[in-house]
């Protein structure tokens, strides 16, 4: 913001993938909340709320850096035409049934 002198006006998400040497490379930039964000919010990391509170300069918002941690064994699954799912990795085999 300092270089462009623009005010706060939104957010973006960046997808990264490591190359063969372990160096992260940008694969995608989204100028909106991605579908997966609802999974994170349901698991306790409500990024849209954090962003709105930052953009609103909410004085009660804790601005210290935080790393959201989820329960062990929790996985997030998403298909293009379906709602994202949060489940324990151990449930995949249990819930799989005949389909898998």
PDB file of N, CA and C in Angstrom:
ATOM      1  N   UNK A   1       0.807  -1.183   0.000  1.00  0.00           N
ATOM      2  CA  UNK A   1       0.000   0.000   0.000  1.00  0.00           C
ATOM      3  C   UNK A   1       0.859   1.259   0.000  1.00  0.00           C
ATOM      4  N   UNK A   2       2.024   1.211   0.612  1.00  0.00           N
ATOM      5  CA  UNK A   2       2.863   2.403   0.634  1.00  0.00           C
ATOM      6  C   UNK A   2       3.320   2.804  -0.756  1.00  0.00           C
ATOM      7  N   UNK A   3       3.706   1.837  -1.569  1.00  0.00           N
ATOM      8  CA  UNK A   3       4.237   2.164  -2.895  1.00  0.00           C
ATOM      9  C   UNK A   3       3.174   2.731  -3.819  1.00  0.00           C
ATOM     10  N   UNK A   4       1.951   2.232  -3.721  1.00  0.00           N
ATOM     11  CA  UNK A   4       0.905   2.699  -4.628  1.00  0.00           C
ATOM     12  C   UNK A   4       0.060   3.809  -4.024  1.00  0.00           C
ATOM     13  N   UNK A   5       0.190   4.019  -2.720  1.00  0.00           N
ATOM     14  CA  UNK A   5      -0.612   5.012  -2.003  1.00  0.00           C
ATOM     15  C   UNK A   5      -2.097   4.670  -2.022  1.00  0.00           C
ATOM     16  N   UNK A   6      -2.435   3.420  -2.346  1.00  0.00           N
ATOM     17  CA  UNK A   6      -3.844   3.023  -2.355  1.00  0.00           C
ATOM     18  C   UNK A   6      -4.273   2.638  -0.944  1.00  0.00           C
ATOM     19  N   UNK A   7      -5.553   2.798  -0.677  1.00  0.00           N
ATOM     20  CA  UNK A   7      -6.094   2.402   0.614  1.00  0.00           C
ATOM     21  C   UNK A   7      -6.412   0.916   0.637  1.00  0.00           C
ATOM     22  N   UNK A   8      -6.815   0.446   1.810  1.00  0.00           N
ATOM     23  CA  UNK A   8      -7.207  -0.960   1.921  1.00  0.00           C
ATOM     24  C   UNK A   8      -8.516  -1.155   1.164  1.00  0.00           C
ATOM     25  N   UNK A   9      -8.573  -2.188   0.341  1.00  0.00           N
ATOM     26  CA  UNK A   9      -9.782  -2.382  -0.451  1.00  0.00           C
ATOM     27  C   UNK A   9     -10.099  -3.846  -0.747  1.00  0.00           C
ATOM     28  N   UNK A  10      -9.459  -4.791  -0.133  1.00  0.00           N
ATOM     29  CA  UNK A  10      -9.788  -6.187  -0.390  1.00  0.00           C
ATOM     30  C   UNK A  10      -8.655  -7.112  -0.028  1.00  0.00           C
ATOM     31  N   UNK A  11      -8.755  -8.322  -0.522  1.00  0.00           N
ATOM     32  CA  UNK A  11      -7.740  -9.324  -0.212  1.00  0.00           C
ATOM     33  C   UNK A  11      -7.605 -10.278  -1.383  1.00  0.00           C
ATOM     34  N   UNK A  12      -6.630 -11.163  -1.296  1.00  0.00           N
ATOM     35  CA  UNK A  12      -6.446 -12.178  -2.330  1.00  0.00           C
ATOM     36  C   UNK A  12      -5.869 -13.428  -1.682  1.00  0.00           C
ATOM     37  N   UNK A  13      -5.962 -14.531  -2.379  1.00  0.00           N
ATOM     38  CA  UNK A  13      -5.343 -15.774  -1.922  1.00  0.00           C
ATOM     39  C   UNK A  13      -4.372 -16.243  -2.993  1.00  0.00           C
ATOM     40  N   UNK A  14      -3.336 -16.918  -2.562  1.00  0.00           N
ATOM     41  CA  UNK A  14      -2.305 -17.408  -3.476  1.00  0.00           C
ATOM     42  C   UNK A  14      -2.111 -18.899  -3.236  1.00  0.00           C
ATOM     43  N   UNK A  15      -2.157 -19.691  -4.311  1.00  0.00           N
ATOM     44  CA  UNK A  15      -1.870 -21.126  -4.232  1.00  0.00           C
ATOM     45  C   UNK A  15      -0.406 -21.345  -4.577  1.00  0.00           C
ATOM     46  N   UNK A  16       0.246 -22.171  -3.784  1.00  0.00           N
ATOM     47  CA  UNK A  16       1.661 -22.473  -3.999  1.00  0.00           C
ATOM     48  C   UNK A  16       1.863 -23.975  -4.144  1.00  0.00           C
ATOM     49  N   UNK A  17       2.874 -24.355  -4.905  1.00  0.00           N
ATOM     50  CA  UNK A  17       3.283 -25.751  -5.033  1.00  0.00           C
ATOM     51  C   UNK A  17       4.800 -25.770  -5.083  1.00  0.00           C
ATOM     52  N   UNK A  18       5.376 -26.721  -4.345  1.00  0.00           N
ATOM     53  CA  UNK A  18       6.834 -26.825  -4.346  1.00  0.00           C
ATOM     54  C   UNK A  18       7.325 -27.460  -5.633  1.00  0.00           C
ATOM     55  N   UNK A  19       8.476 -26.973  -6.118  1.00  0.00           N
ATOM     56  CA  UNK A  19       9.103 -27.633  -7.261  1.00  0.00           C
ATOM     57  C   UNK A  19       9.944 -28.806  -6.745  1.00  0.00           C
ATOM     58  N   UNK A  20      10.667 -29.465  -7.621  1.00  0.00           N
ATOM     59  CA  UNK A  20      11.463 -30.636  -7.241  1.00  0.00           C
ATOM     60  C   UNK A  20      12.524 -30.323  -6.188  1.00  0.00           C
ATOM     61  N   UNK A  21      12.918 -29.064  -6.094  1.00  0.00           N
ATOM     62  CA  UNK A  21      13.932 -28.649  -5.117  1.00  0.00           C
ATOM     63  C   UNK A  21      13.320 -28.144  -3.812  1.00  0.00           C
ATOM     64  N   UNK A  22      11.993 -28.185  -3.720  1.00  0.00           N
ATOM     65  CA  UNK A  22      11.325 -27.706  -2.510  1.00  0.00           C
ATOM     66  C   UNK A  22      11.084 -26.215  -2.476  1.00  0.00           C
ATOM     67  N   UNK A  23      11.305 -25.541  -3.596  1.00  0.00           N
ATOM     68  CA  UNK A  23      11.080 -24.094  -3.683  1.00  0.00           C
ATOM     69  C   UNK A  23       9.605 -23.854  -4.011  1.00  0.00           C
ATOM     70  N   UNK A  24       8.891 -23.051  -3.187  1.00  0.00           N
ATOM     71  CA  UNK A  24       7.485 -22.790  -3.494  1.00  0.00           C
ATOM     72  C   UNK A  24       7.336 -21.937  -4.754  1.00  0.00           C
ATOM     73  N   UNK A  25       6.390 -22.310  -5.588  1.00  0.00           N
ATOM     74  CA  UNK A  25       6.086 -21.576  -6.825  1.00  0.00           C
ATOM     75  C   UNK A  25       4.604 -21.207  -6.817  1.00  0.00           C
ATOM     76  N   UNK A  26       4.289 -20.010  -7.281  1.00  0.00           N
ATOM     77  CA  UNK A  26       2.897 -19.568  -7.375  1.00  0.00           C
ATOM     78  C   UNK A  26       2.225 -20.302  -8.522  1.00  0.00           C
ATOM     79  N   UNK A  27       1.079 -20.920  -8.238  1.00  0.00           N
ATOM     80  CA  UNK A  27       0.318 -21.603  -9.285  1.00  0.00           C
ATOM     81  C   UNK A  27      -0.989 -20.884  -9.608  1.00  0.00           C
ATOM     82  N   UNK A  28      -1.467 -20.059  -8.670  1.00  0.00           N
ATOM     83  CA  UNK A  28      -2.752 -19.398  -8.894  1.00  0.00           C
ATOM     84  C   UNK A  28      -2.895 -18.233  -7.922  1.00  0.00           C
ATOM     85  N   UNK A  29      -3.522 -17.146  -8.389  1.00  0.00           N
ATOM     86  CA  UNK A  29      -3.853 -16.011  -7.538  1.00  0.00           C
ATOM     87  C   UNK A  29      -5.346 -15.760  -7.696  1.00  0.00           C
ATOM     88  N   UNK A  30      -6.071 -15.717  -6.575  1.00  0.00           N
ATOM     89  CA  UNK A  30      -7.515 -15.479  -6.591  1.00  0.00           C
ATOM     90  C   UNK A  30      -7.801 -14.142  -5.924  1.00  0.00           C
ATOM     91  N   UNK A  31      -8.641 -13.331  -6.539  1.00  0.00           N
ATOM     92  CA  UNK A  31      -8.979 -12.023  -5.976  1.00  0.00           C
ATOM     93  C   UNK A  31     -10.324 -12.081  -5.259  1.00  0.00           C
ATOM     94  N   UNK A  32     -10.586 -13.208  -4.644  1.00  0.00           N
ATOM     95  CA  UNK A  32     -11.842 -13.424  -3.918  1.00  0.00           C
ATOM     96  C   UNK A  32     -11.596 -14.535  -2.904  1.00  0.00           C
ATOM     97  N   UNK A  33     -12.570 -14.742  -2.035  1.00  0.00           N
ATOM     98  CA  UNK A  33     -12.492 -15.878  -1.120  1.00  0.00           C
ATOM     99  C   UNK A  33     -12.693 -17.155  -1.927  1.00  0.00           C
ATOM    100  N   UNK A  34     -11.887 -18.134  -1.670  1.00  0.00           N
ATOM    101  CA  UNK A  34     -11.992 -19.403  -2.383  1.00  0.00           C
ATOM    102  C   UNK A  34     -12.985 -20.307  -1.666  1.00  0.00           C
ATOM    103  N   UNK A  35     -13.502 -21.316  -2.357  1.00  0.00           N
ATOM    104  CA  UNK A  35     -14.518 -22.209  -1.798  1.00  0.00           C
ATOM    105  C   UNK A  35     -14.037 -22.896  -0.524  1.00  0.00           C
ATOM    106  N   UNK A  36     -12.774 -23.177  -0.460  1.00  0.00           N
ATOM    107  CA  UNK A  36     -12.221 -23.902   0.679  1.00  0.00           C
ATOM    108  C   UNK A  36     -12.293 -23.119   1.983  1.00  0.00           C
ATOM    109  N   UNK A  37     -12.458 -21.807   1.894  1.00  0.00           N
ATOM    110  CA  UNK A  37     -12.437 -20.961   3.081  1.00  0.00           C
ATOM    111  C   UNK A  37     -13.527 -21.366   4.077  1.00  0.00           C
ATOM    112  N   UNK A  38     -14.643 -21.903   3.595  1.00  0.00           N
ATOM    113  CA  UNK A  38     -15.699 -22.315   4.524  1.00  0.00           C
ATOM    114  C   UNK A  38     -15.278 -23.524   5.350  1.00  0.00           C
ATOM    115  N   UNK A  39     -14.440 -24.393   4.801  1.00  0.00           N
ATOM    116  CA  UNK A  39     -13.906 -25.517   5.578  1.00  0.00           C
ATOM    117  C   UNK A  39     -13.039 -25.000   6.717  1.00  0.00           C
ATOM    118  N   UNK A  40     -12.145 -24.085   6.395  1.00  0.00           N
ATOM    119  CA  UNK A  40     -11.276 -23.537   7.433  1.00  0.00           C
ATOM    120  C   UNK A  40     -12.101 -22.854   8.524  1.00  0.00           C
ATOM    121  N   UNK A  41     -13.124 -22.090   8.134  1.00  0.00           N
ATOM    122  CA  UNK A  41     -13.969 -21.404   9.114  1.00  0.00           C
ATOM    123  C   UNK A  41     -14.689 -22.413  10.002  1.00  0.00           C
ATOM    124  N   UNK A  42     -15.226 -23.470   9.407  1.00  0.00           N
ATOM    125  CA  UNK A  42     -15.926 -24.498  10.185  1.00  0.00           C
ATOM    126  C   UNK A  42     -14.991 -25.194  11.168  1.00  0.00           C
ATOM    127  N   UNK A  43     -13.703 -25.245  10.832  1.00  0.00           N
ATOM    128  CA  UNK A  43     -12.718 -25.894  11.700  1.00  0.00           C
ATOM    129  C   UNK A  43     -12.076 -24.909  12.678  1.00  0.00           C
ATOM    130  N   UNK A  44     -12.488 -23.639  12.626  1.00  0.00           N
ATOM    131  CA  UNK A  44     -12.010 -22.676  13.609  1.00  0.00           C
ATOM    132  C   UNK A  44     -11.121 -21.559  13.102  1.00  0.00           C
ATOM    133  N   UNK A  45     -10.821 -21.519  11.820  1.00  0.00           N
ATOM    134  CA  UNK A  45      -9.975 -20.465  11.252  1.00  0.00           C
ATOM    135  C   UNK A  45     -10.819 -19.628  10.294  1.00  0.00           C
ATOM    136  N   UNK A  46     -11.519 -18.637  10.831  1.00  0.00           N
ATOM    137  CA  UNK A  46     -12.451 -17.844  10.034  1.00  0.00           C
ATOM    138  C   UNK A  46     -11.720 -16.667   9.376  1.00  0.00           C
ATOM    139  N   UNK A  47     -11.076 -16.949   8.253  1.00  0.00           N
ATOM    140  CA  UNK A  47     -10.294 -15.930   7.554  1.00  0.00           C
ATOM    141  C   UNK A  47     -11.137 -14.739   7.087  1.00  0.00           C
ATOM    142  N   UNK A  48     -12.341 -14.943   6.542  1.00  0.00           N
ATOM    143  CA  UNK A  48     -13.140 -13.775   6.140  1.00  0.00           C
ATOM    144  C   UNK A  48     -13.426 -12.831   7.315  1.00  0.00           C
ATOM    145  N   UNK A  49     -13.711 -13.398   8.484  1.00  0.00           N
ATOM    146  CA  UNK A  49     -13.932 -12.543   9.657  1.00  0.00           C
ATOM    147  C   UNK A  49     -12.650 -11.792  10.020  1.00  0.00           C
ATOM    148  N   UNK A  50     -11.521 -12.489  10.012  1.00  0.00           N
ATOM    149  CA  UNK A  50     -10.241 -11.833  10.300  1.00  0.00           C
ATOM    150  C   UNK A  50      -9.991 -10.685   9.324  1.00  0.00           C
ATOM    151  N   UNK A  51     -10.233 -10.937   8.055  1.00  0.00           N
ATOM    152  CA  UNK A  51      -9.992  -9.922   7.024  1.00  0.00           C
ATOM    153  C   UNK A  51     -10.890  -8.705   7.230  1.00  0.00           C
ATOM    154  N   UNK A  52     -12.176  -8.946   7.493  1.00  0.00           N
ATOM    155  CA  UNK A  52     -13.103  -7.829   7.697  1.00  0.00           C
ATOM    156  C   UNK A  52     -12.705  -7.009   8.925  1.00  0.00           C
ATOM    157  N   UNK A  53     -12.300  -7.687   9.980  1.00  0.00           N
ATOM    158  CA  UNK A  53     -11.895  -6.965  11.184  1.00  0.00           C
ATOM    159  C   UNK A  53     -10.622  -6.155  10.940  1.00  0.00           C
ATOM    160  N   UNK A  54      -9.705  -6.695  10.144  1.00  0.00           N
ATOM    161  CA  UNK A  54      -8.501  -5.939   9.793  1.00  0.00           C
ATOM    162  C   UNK A  54      -8.838  -4.726   8.933  1.00  0.00           C
ATOM    163  N   UNK A  55      -9.676  -4.936   7.910  1.00  0.00           N
ATOM    164  CA  UNK A  55     -10.046  -3.834   7.019  1.00  0.00           C
ATOM    165  C   UNK A  55     -10.830  -2.749   7.749  1.00  0.00           C
ATOM    166  N   UNK A  56     -11.602  -3.155   8.773  1.00  0.00           N
ATOM    167  CA  UNK A  56     -12.379  -2.192   9.561  1.00  0.00           C
ATOM    168  C   UNK A  56     -11.569  -1.555  10.692  1.00  0.00           C
ATOM    169  N   UNK A  57     -10.288  -1.936  10.816  1.00  0.00           N
ATOM    170  CA  UNK A  57      -9.447  -1.444  11.916  1.00  0.00           C
ATOM    171  C   UNK A  57     -10.095  -1.680  13.279  1.00  0.00           C
ATOM    172  N   UNK A  58     -10.671  -2.851  13.467  1.00  0.00           N
ATOM    173  CA  UNK A  58     -11.309  -3.230  14.727  1.00  0.00           C
ATOM    174  C   UNK A  58     -10.263  -3.195  15.850  1.00  0.00           C
ATOM    175  N   UNK A  59     -10.418  -2.301  16.829  1.00  0.00           N
ATOM    176  CA  UNK A  59      -9.410  -2.188  17.890  1.00  0.00           C
ATOM    177  C   UNK A  59      -9.344  -3.423  18.790  1.00  0.00           C
ATOM    178  N   UNK A  60     -10.397  -4.225  18.829  1.00  0.00           N
ATOM    179  CA  UNK A  60     -10.413  -5.424  19.670  1.00  0.00           C
ATOM    180  C   UNK A  60      -9.768  -6.631  18.983  1.00  0.00           C
ATOM    181  N   UNK A  61      -9.458  -6.491  17.699  1.00  0.00           N
ATOM    182  CA  UNK A  61      -8.885  -7.622  16.963  1.00  0.00           C
ATOM    183  C   UNK A  61      -7.433  -7.846  17.371  1.00  0.00           C
ATOM    184  N   UNK A  62      -7.084  -9.088  17.659  1.00  0.00           N
ATOM    185  CA  UNK A  62      -5.711  -9.443  18.042  1.00  0.00           C
ATOM    186  C   UNK A  62      -4.859  -9.498  16.781  1.00  0.00           C
ATOM    187  N   UNK A  63      -3.972  -8.537  16.607  1.00  0.00           N
ATOM    188  CA  UNK A  63      -3.165  -8.426  15.397  1.00  0.00           C
ATOM    189  C   UNK A  63      -1.861  -9.221  15.456  1.00  0.00           C
ATOM    190  N   UNK A  64      -1.628  -9.908  16.555  1.00  0.00           N
ATOM    191  CA  UNK A  64      -0.412 -10.724  16.627  1.00  0.00           C
ATOM    192  C   UNK A  64      -0.517 -11.880  15.641  1.00  0.00           C
ATOM    193  N   UNK A  65       0.611 -12.236  15.048  1.00  0.00           N
ATOM    194  CA  UNK A  65       0.657 -13.347  14.099  1.00  0.00           C
ATOM    195  C   UNK A  65       0.158 -14.610  14.777  1.00  0.00           C
ATOM    196  N   UNK A  66      -0.685 -15.359  14.089  1.00  0.00           N
ATOM    197  CA  UNK A  66      -1.169 -16.615  14.652  1.00  0.00           C
ATOM    198  C   UNK A  66      -1.135 -17.702  13.592  1.00  0.00           C
ATOM    199  N   UNK A  67      -0.855 -18.880  14.044  1.00  0.00           N
ATOM    200  CA  UNK A  67      -0.906 -20.054  13.175  1.00  0.00           C
ATOM    201  C   UNK A  67      -2.103 -20.869  13.627  1.00  0.00           C
ATOM    202  N   UNK A  68      -3.061 -21.034  12.741  1.00  0.00           N
ATOM    203  CA  UNK A  68      -4.216 -21.857  13.075  1.00  0.00           C
ATOM    204  C   UNK A  68      -3.813 -23.325  13.009  1.00  0.00           C
ATOM    205  N   UNK A  69      -4.173 -24.063  14.031  1.00  0.00           N
ATOM    206  CA  UNK A  69      -3.896 -25.492  14.047  1.00  0.00           C
ATOM    207  C   UNK A  69      -5.211 -26.236  14.162  1.00  0.00           C
ATOM    208  N   UNK A  70      -5.315 -27.331  13.436  1.00  0.00           N
ATOM    209  CA  UNK A  70      -6.524 -28.138  13.440  1.00  0.00           C
ATOM    210  C   UNK A  70      -6.261 -29.440  14.184  1.00  0.00           C
ATOM    211  N   UNK A  71      -7.331 -30.118  14.552  1.00  0.00           N
ATOM    212  CA  UNK A  71      -7.187 -31.392  15.248  1.00  0.00           C
ATOM    213  C   UNK A  71      -6.357 -32.357  14.405  1.00  0.00           C
ATOM    214  N   UNK A  72      -5.590 -33.224  15.077  1.00  0.00           N
ATOM    215  CA  UNK A  72      -4.823 -34.224  14.318  1.00  0.00           C
ATOM    216  C   UNK A  72      -5.763 -35.100  13.493  1.00  0.00           C
ATOM    217  N   UNK A  73      -5.318 -35.544  12.353  1.00  0.00           N
ATOM    218  CA  UNK A  73      -6.073 -36.476  11.514  1.00  0.00           C
ATOM    219  C   UNK A  73      -7.214 -35.804  10.743  1.00  0.00           C
ATOM    220  N   UNK A  74      -7.366 -34.465  10.858  1.00  0.00           N
ATOM    221  CA  UNK A  74      -8.437 -33.773  10.130  1.00  0.00           C
ATOM    222  C   UNK A  74      -7.975 -33.509   8.702  1.00  0.00           C
ATOM    223  N   UNK A  75      -8.858 -33.798   7.752  1.00  0.00           N
ATOM    224  CA  UNK A  75      -8.565 -33.496   6.354  1.00  0.00           C
ATOM    225  C   UNK A  75      -9.717 -32.693   5.766  1.00  0.00           C
ATOM    226  N   UNK A  76      -9.406 -31.926   4.754  1.00  0.00           N
ATOM    227  CA  UNK A  76     -10.385 -31.123   4.037  1.00  0.00           C
ATOM    228  C   UNK A  76     -10.452 -31.672   2.620  1.00  0.00           C
ATOM    229  N   UNK A  77     -11.656 -32.011   2.163  1.00  0.00           N
ATOM    230  CA  UNK A  77     -11.811 -32.527   0.801  1.00  0.00           C
ATOM    231  C   UNK A  77     -12.771 -31.633   0.036  1.00  0.00           C
ATOM    232  N   UNK A  78     -12.465 -31.419  -1.231  1.00  0.00           N
ATOM    233  CA  UNK A  78     -13.318 -30.579  -2.064  1.00  0.00           C
ATOM    234  C   UNK A  78     -13.360 -31.132  -3.474  1.00  0.00           C
ATOM    235  N   UNK A  79     -14.557 -31.168  -4.034  1.00  0.00           N
ATOM    236  CA  UNK A  79     -14.768 -31.541  -5.426  1.00  0.00           C
ATOM    237  C   UNK A  79     -15.373 -30.323  -6.113  1.00  0.00           C
ATOM    238  N   UNK A  80     -15.177 -30.187  -7.374  1.00  0.00           N
ATOM    239  CA  UNK A  80     -15.636 -29.005  -8.106  1.00  0.00           C
ATOM    240  C   UNK A  80     -17.139 -28.786  -7.968  1.00  0.00           C
ATOM    241  N   UNK A  81     -17.932 -29.837  -8.050  1.00  0.00           N
ATOM    242  CA  UNK A  81     -19.387 -29.685  -8.054  1.00  0.00           C
ATOM    243  C   UNK A  81     -20.051 -30.038  -6.727  1.00  0.00           C
ATOM    244  N   UNK A  82     -19.301 -30.174  -5.660  1.00  0.00           N
ATOM    245  CA  UNK A  82     -19.851 -30.559  -4.365  1.00  0.00           C
ATOM    246  C   UNK A  82     -19.369 -29.612  -3.271  1.00  0.00           C
ATOM    247  N   UNK A  83     -20.079 -29.624  -2.162  1.00  0.00           N
ATOM    248  CA  UNK A  83     -19.662 -28.843  -1.007  1.00  0.00           C
ATOM    249  C   UNK A  83     -18.393 -29.451  -0.405  1.00  0.00           C
ATOM    250  N   UNK A  84     -17.508 -28.631   0.111  1.00  0.00           N
ATOM    251  CA  UNK A  84     -16.323 -29.167   0.789  1.00  0.00           C
ATOM    252  C   UNK A  84     -16.714 -29.995   2.012  1.00  0.00           C
ATOM    253  N   UNK A  85     -15.864 -30.930   2.374  1.00  0.00           N
ATOM    254  CA  UNK A  85     -16.110 -31.837   3.493  1.00  0.00           C
ATOM    255  C   UNK A  85     -14.925 -31.765   4.449  1.00  0.00           C
ATOM    256  N   UNK A  86     -15.232 -31.749   5.746  1.00  0.00           N
ATOM    257  CA  UNK A  86     -14.203 -31.866   6.773  1.00  0.00           C
ATOM    258  C   UNK A  86     -14.431 -33.205   7.453  1.00  0.00           C
ATOM    259  N   UNK A  87     -13.387 -34.009   7.551  1.00  0.00           N
ATOM    260  CA  UNK A  87     -13.532 -35.294   8.234  1.00  0.00           C
ATOM    261  C   UNK A  87     -12.182 -35.773   8.743  1.00  0.00           C
ATOM    262  N   UNK A  88     -12.226 -36.783   9.571  1.00  0.00           N
ATOM    263  CA  UNK A  88     -10.998 -37.418  10.041  1.00  0.00           C
ATOM    264  C   UNK A  88     -10.495 -38.346   8.947  1.00  0.00           C
ATOM    265  N   UNK A  89      -9.199 -38.351   8.747  1.00  0.00           N
ATOM    266  CA  UNK A  89      -8.611 -39.225   7.731  1.00  0.00           C
ATOM    267  C   UNK A  89      -8.983 -40.682   7.984  1.00  0.00           C
ATOM    268  N   UNK A  90      -9.065 -41.064   9.245  1.00  0.00           N
ATOM    269  CA  UNK A  90      -9.409 -42.447   9.591  1.00  0.00           C
ATOM    270  C   UNK A  90     -10.832 -42.815   9.181  1.00  0.00           C
ATOM    271  N   UNK A  91     -11.702 -41.830   8.962  1.00  0.00           N
ATOM    272  CA  UNK A  91     -13.083 -42.097   8.557  1.00  0.00           C
ATOM    273  C   UNK A  91     -13.211 -42.439   7.075  1.00  0.00           C
ATOM    274  N   UNK A  92     -12.205 -42.148   6.287  1.00  0.00           N
ATOM    275  CA  UNK A  92     -12.306 -42.402   4.848  1.00  0.00           C
ATOM    276  C   UNK A  92     -12.561 -43.875   4.587  1.00  0.00           C
ATOM    277  N   UNK A  93     -11.787 -44.740   5.188  1.00  0.00           N
ATOM    278  CA  UNK A  93     -11.963 -46.184   4.997  1.00  0.00           C
ATOM    279  C   UNK A  93     -13.286 -46.631   5.601  1.00  0.00           C
ATOM    280  N   UNK A  94     -13.603 -46.158   6.793  1.00  0.00           N
ATOM    281  CA  UNK A  94     -14.827 -46.551   7.485  1.00  0.00           C
ATOM    282  C   UNK A  94     -16.066 -46.171   6.690  1.00  0.00           C
ATOM    283  N   UNK A  95     -16.090 -44.972   6.113  1.00  0.00           N
ATOM    284  CA  UNK A  95     -17.264 -44.462   5.404  1.00  0.00           C
ATOM    285  C   UNK A  95     -17.274 -44.811   3.921  1.00  0.00           C
ATOM    286  N   UNK A  96     -16.232 -45.446   3.448  1.00  0.00           N
ATOM    287  CA  UNK A  96     -16.080 -45.682   2.018  1.00  0.00           C
ATOM    288  C   UNK A  96     -17.098 -46.680   1.481  1.00  0.00           C
ATOM    289  N   UNK A  97     -17.314 -47.769   2.169  1.00  0.00           N
ATOM    290  CA  UNK A  97     -18.280 -48.772   1.730  1.00  0.00           C
ATOM    291  C   UNK A  97     -17.904 -49.401   0.408  1.00  0.00           C
ATOM    292  N   UNK A  98     -18.898 -49.749  -0.383  1.00  0.00           N
ATOM    293  CA  UNK A  98     -18.718 -50.451  -1.653  1.00  0.00           C
ATOM    294  C   UNK A  98     -18.161 -49.556  -2.755  1.00  0.00           C
ATOM    295  N   UNK A  99     -18.352 -48.249  -2.664  1.00  0.00           N
ATOM    296  CA  UNK A  99     -17.989 -47.335  -3.740  1.00  0.00           C
ATOM    297  C   UNK A  99     -16.493 -47.349  -4.017  1.00  0.00           C
ATOM    298  N   UNK A 100     -15.684 -47.386  -2.991  1.00  0.00           N
ATOM    299  CA  UNK A 100     -14.233 -47.323  -3.173  1.00  0.00           C
ATOM    300  C   UNK A 100     -13.710 -48.646  -3.657  1.00  0.00           C
TER     301      UNK A 100
END
